[in-house]
Amino acid sequence: MTILLQKAFAEAAKLPQPDQDRLASWLLEEIHDEARWDATFAASQDALDKLADRALAQIEAGLDEAFDIENSNQEATPKSGPR
């Protein structure tokens, strides 16, 4: 355990029991949410790769344009053609 985490737990130990329980519940939920997010993201990698390939193919075919983050305040002009 890191020194910072030890300090946080020492401070949490000074809280009243209901506050400790709320903090513990929140922390455990955060840890589980992070694990679920990691698993979901890992499982969706193939789908994300396919979507990226499709977007690049549409750009190369002239059906879409690459997003220009530097000029993202400008309105996009839709291209004609199938999506």
N, C-alpha and C. Protein backbone atom coordinates (compact mmCIF):
# COMPACT_ATOMS: atom_id res chain seq x y z
N MET A 1 0.84 -1.17 0.00
CA MET A 1 0.00 0.00 0.00
C MET A 1 0.89 1.24 0.00
N THR A 2 0.50 2.23 -0.77
CA THR A 2 1.31 3.45 -0.85
C THR A 2 1.15 4.30 0.41
N ILE A 3 2.08 5.19 0.61
CA ILE A 3 2.03 6.08 1.76
C ILE A 3 0.79 6.98 1.68
N LEU A 4 0.48 7.47 0.49
CA LEU A 4 -0.68 8.34 0.33
C LEU A 4 -1.97 7.60 0.69
N LEU A 5 -2.10 6.37 0.24
CA LEU A 5 -3.29 5.60 0.56
C LEU A 5 -3.37 5.31 2.06
N GLN A 6 -2.23 5.05 2.68
CA GLN A 6 -2.20 4.85 4.13
C GLN A 6 -2.69 6.10 4.86
N LYS A 7 -2.24 7.27 4.39
CA LYS A 7 -2.68 8.53 4.99
C LYS A 7 -4.19 8.71 4.82
N ALA A 8 -4.68 8.40 3.63
CA ALA A 8 -6.12 8.55 3.38
C ALA A 8 -6.92 7.63 4.29
N PHE A 9 -6.48 6.39 4.44
CA PHE A 9 -7.18 5.46 5.32
C PHE A 9 -7.08 5.89 6.79
N ALA A 10 -5.95 6.45 7.19
CA ALA A 10 -5.81 6.94 8.57
C ALA A 10 -6.79 8.08 8.83
N GLU A 11 -6.95 8.97 7.85
CA GLU A 11 -7.90 10.07 8.00
C GLU A 11 -9.34 9.53 7.99
N ALA A 12 -9.60 8.57 7.12
CA ALA A 12 -10.94 7.99 7.04
C ALA A 12 -11.30 7.28 8.35
N ALA A 13 -10.31 6.70 9.00
CA ALA A 13 -10.56 5.98 10.26
C ALA A 13 -11.02 6.93 11.37
N LYS A 14 -10.78 8.21 11.21
CA LYS A 14 -11.21 9.20 12.21
C LYS A 14 -12.68 9.61 12.02
N LEU A 15 -13.25 9.26 10.89
CA LEU A 15 -14.63 9.63 10.61
C LEU A 15 -15.60 8.77 11.42
N PRO A 16 -16.81 9.28 11.62
CA PRO A 16 -17.83 8.44 12.26
C PRO A 16 -18.13 7.21 11.39
N GLN A 17 -18.60 6.14 12.03
CA GLN A 17 -18.81 4.88 11.31
C GLN A 17 -19.71 5.02 10.08
N PRO A 18 -20.82 5.76 10.13
CA PRO A 18 -21.64 5.88 8.92
C PRO A 18 -20.88 6.52 7.75
N ASP A 19 -20.05 7.52 8.07
CA ASP A 19 -19.26 8.16 7.02
C ASP A 19 -18.20 7.20 6.48
N GLN A 20 -17.61 6.41 7.36
CA GLN A 20 -16.63 5.41 6.92
C GLN A 20 -17.29 4.41 5.97
N ASP A 21 -18.50 3.97 6.33
CA ASP A 21 -19.21 3.01 5.49
C ASP A 21 -19.56 3.61 4.13
N ARG A 22 -20.00 4.87 4.12
CA ARG A 22 -20.31 5.53 2.84
C ARG A 22 -19.05 5.65 1.99
N LEU A 23 -17.94 6.05 2.62
CA LEU A 23 -16.69 6.18 1.89
C LEU A 23 -16.23 4.83 1.35
N ALA A 24 -16.33 3.80 2.16
CA ALA A 24 -15.92 2.46 1.73
C ALA A 24 -16.79 1.97 0.58
N SER A 25 -18.11 2.20 0.67
CA SER A 25 -19.02 1.78 -0.41
C SER A 25 -18.68 2.51 -1.70
N TRP A 26 -18.43 3.81 -1.59
CA TRP A 26 -18.07 4.59 -2.78
C TRP A 26 -16.77 4.08 -3.40
N LEU A 27 -15.76 3.86 -2.56
CA LEU A 27 -14.46 3.41 -3.07
C LEU A 27 -14.57 2.05 -3.75
N LEU A 28 -15.28 1.12 -3.11
CA LEU A 28 -15.45 -0.20 -3.72
C LEU A 28 -16.20 -0.11 -5.05
N GLU A 29 -17.22 0.72 -5.10
CA GLU A 29 -17.97 0.89 -6.35
C GLU A 29 -17.08 1.47 -7.44
N GLU A 30 -16.25 2.45 -7.10
CA GLU A 30 -15.32 3.02 -8.07
C GLU A 30 -14.35 1.97 -8.61
N ILE A 31 -13.83 1.14 -7.73
CA ILE A 31 -12.90 0.09 -8.14
C ILE A 31 -13.60 -0.90 -9.07
N HIS A 32 -14.83 -1.30 -8.71
CA HIS A 32 -15.57 -2.25 -9.56
C HIS A 32 -15.97 -1.61 -10.89
N ASP A 33 -16.36 -0.34 -10.86
CA ASP A 33 -16.71 0.36 -12.11
C ASP A 33 -15.51 0.42 -13.05
N GLU A 34 -14.35 0.69 -12.52
CA GLU A 34 -13.14 0.76 -13.34
C GLU A 34 -12.85 -0.59 -13.98
N ALA A 35 -13.01 -1.66 -13.21
CA ALA A 35 -12.78 -3.00 -13.75
C ALA A 35 -13.80 -3.33 -14.84
N ARG A 36 -15.06 -2.94 -14.62
CA ARG A 36 -16.10 -3.18 -15.65
C ARG A 36 -15.80 -2.37 -16.91
N TRP A 37 -15.37 -1.13 -16.74
CA TRP A 37 -15.03 -0.29 -17.89
C TRP A 37 -13.89 -0.91 -18.68
N ASP A 38 -12.85 -1.35 -17.99
CA ASP A 38 -11.71 -1.97 -18.67
C ASP A 38 -12.15 -3.20 -19.46
N ALA A 39 -12.99 -4.03 -18.85
CA ALA A 39 -13.47 -5.24 -19.53
C ALA A 39 -14.33 -4.90 -20.74
N THR A 40 -15.22 -3.92 -20.58
CA THR A 40 -16.09 -3.51 -21.69
C THR A 40 -15.27 -2.94 -22.84
N PHE A 41 -14.32 -2.09 -22.52
CA PHE A 41 -13.49 -1.49 -23.56
C PHE A 41 -12.67 -2.55 -24.28
N ALA A 42 -12.09 -3.49 -23.54
CA ALA A 42 -11.30 -4.55 -24.16
C ALA A 42 -12.17 -5.41 -25.07
N ALA A 43 -13.41 -5.68 -24.65
CA ALA A 43 -14.31 -6.52 -25.44
C ALA A 43 -14.81 -5.80 -26.69
N SER A 44 -14.78 -4.47 -26.69
CA SER A 44 -15.30 -3.72 -27.83
C SER A 44 -14.20 -3.34 -28.83
N GLN A 45 -12.98 -3.75 -28.60
CA GLN A 45 -11.87 -3.31 -29.45
C GLN A 45 -12.07 -3.71 -30.91
N ASP A 46 -12.55 -4.92 -31.17
CA ASP A 46 -12.78 -5.35 -32.55
C ASP A 46 -13.82 -4.46 -33.24
N ALA A 47 -14.90 -4.15 -32.54
CA ALA A 47 -15.94 -3.30 -33.11
C ALA A 47 -15.40 -1.90 -33.38
N LEU A 48 -14.59 -1.38 -32.46
CA LEU A 48 -14.00 -0.05 -32.67
C LEU A 48 -13.05 -0.05 -33.86
N ASP A 49 -12.27 -1.11 -34.01
CA ASP A 49 -11.37 -1.22 -35.16
C ASP A 49 -12.16 -1.23 -36.47
N LYS A 50 -13.28 -1.97 -36.50
CA LYS A 50 -14.10 -2.03 -37.71
C LYS A 50 -14.70 -0.66 -38.03
N LEU A 51 -15.17 0.04 -37.00
CA LEU A 51 -15.73 1.38 -37.23
C LEU A 51 -14.67 2.34 -37.75
N ALA A 52 -13.47 2.25 -37.21
CA ALA A 52 -12.38 3.11 -37.67
C ALA A 52 -12.03 2.80 -39.12
N ASP A 53 -11.96 1.51 -39.46
CA ASP A 53 -11.67 1.12 -40.85
C ASP A 53 -12.75 1.64 -41.79
N ARG A 54 -14.01 1.55 -41.36
CA ARG A 54 -15.12 2.02 -42.19
C ARG A 54 -15.03 3.54 -42.39
N ALA A 55 -14.72 4.26 -41.33
CA ALA A 55 -14.60 5.72 -41.44
C ALA A 55 -13.47 6.09 -42.39
N LEU A 56 -12.33 5.42 -42.27
CA LEU A 56 -11.21 5.71 -43.17
C LEU A 56 -11.56 5.40 -44.62
N ALA A 57 -12.28 4.30 -44.84
CA ALA A 57 -12.70 3.95 -46.20
C ALA A 57 -13.64 5.00 -46.77
N GLN A 58 -14.54 5.53 -45.94
CA GLN A 58 -15.46 6.57 -46.41
C GLN A 58 -14.70 7.85 -46.75
N ILE A 59 -13.71 8.18 -45.95
CA ILE A 59 -12.90 9.37 -46.24
C ILE A 59 -12.14 9.18 -47.55
N GLU A 60 -11.52 8.01 -47.73
CA GLU A 60 -10.77 7.73 -48.95
C GLU A 60 -11.66 7.73 -50.18
N ALA A 61 -12.94 7.31 -50.01
CA ALA A 61 -13.88 7.28 -51.14
C ALA A 61 -14.50 8.65 -51.39
N GLY A 62 -14.15 9.63 -50.56
CA GLY A 62 -14.69 10.98 -50.74
C GLY A 62 -16.10 11.14 -50.22
N LEU A 63 -16.57 10.19 -49.43
CA LEU A 63 -17.93 10.26 -48.90
C LEU A 63 -18.00 11.04 -47.59
N ASP A 64 -16.87 11.31 -47.02
CA ASP A 64 -16.80 12.00 -45.73
C ASP A 64 -15.50 12.75 -45.66
N GLU A 65 -15.33 13.52 -44.63
CA GLU A 65 -14.09 14.25 -44.44
C GLU A 65 -13.50 13.91 -43.08
N ALA A 66 -12.21 13.96 -42.96
CA ALA A 66 -11.56 13.76 -41.68
C ALA A 66 -11.91 14.93 -40.76
N PHE A 67 -12.05 14.67 -39.50
CA PHE A 67 -12.37 15.70 -38.52
C PHE A 67 -11.13 16.54 -38.25
N ASP A 68 -11.29 17.83 -38.39
CA ASP A 68 -10.19 18.76 -38.14
C ASP A 68 -10.43 19.43 -36.79
N ILE A 69 -9.77 18.95 -35.77
CA ILE A 69 -10.01 19.46 -34.42
C ILE A 69 -9.63 20.93 -34.29
N GLU A 70 -8.67 21.38 -35.06
CA GLU A 70 -8.26 22.78 -35.00
C GLU A 70 -9.37 23.72 -35.47
N ASN A 71 -10.21 23.23 -36.38
CA ASN A 71 -11.29 24.04 -36.93
C ASN A 71 -12.65 23.44 -36.59
N SER A 72 -12.76 22.85 -35.41
CA SER A 72 -13.98 22.13 -35.06
C SER A 72 -15.17 23.05 -34.79
N ASN A 73 -14.94 24.35 -34.69
CA ASN A 73 -16.05 25.28 -34.48
C ASN A 73 -16.82 25.56 -35.76
N GLN A 74 -16.23 25.21 -36.89
CA GLN A 74 -16.90 25.42 -38.16
C GLN A 74 -17.93 24.33 -38.37
N GLU A 75 -19.05 24.70 -39.02
CA GLU A 75 -20.08 23.70 -39.30
C GLU A 75 -19.60 22.76 -40.40
N ALA A 76 -19.92 21.48 -40.23
CA ALA A 76 -19.57 20.49 -41.23
C ALA A 76 -20.57 20.57 -42.39
N THR A 77 -20.05 20.38 -43.58
CA THR A 77 -20.90 20.34 -44.76
C THR A 77 -21.07 18.88 -45.15
N PRO A 78 -22.31 18.35 -45.06
CA PRO A 78 -22.50 16.95 -45.39
C PRO A 78 -22.24 16.65 -46.85
N LYS A 79 -21.62 15.53 -47.10
CA LYS A 79 -21.37 15.06 -48.48
C LYS A 79 -22.55 14.20 -48.91
N SER A 80 -22.81 14.18 -50.20
CA SER A 80 -23.86 13.31 -50.68
C SER A 80 -23.32 11.90 -50.84
N GLY A 81 -24.19 10.93 -50.82
CA GLY A 81 -23.77 9.54 -50.98
C GLY A 81 -24.21 8.70 -49.82
N PRO A 82 -24.08 7.39 -49.97
CA PRO A 82 -24.54 6.47 -48.93
C PRO A 82 -23.68 6.56 -47.69
N ARG A 83 -24.27 6.28 -46.56
CA ARG A 83 -23.56 6.26 -45.28
C ARG A 83 -23.40 4.87 -44.77
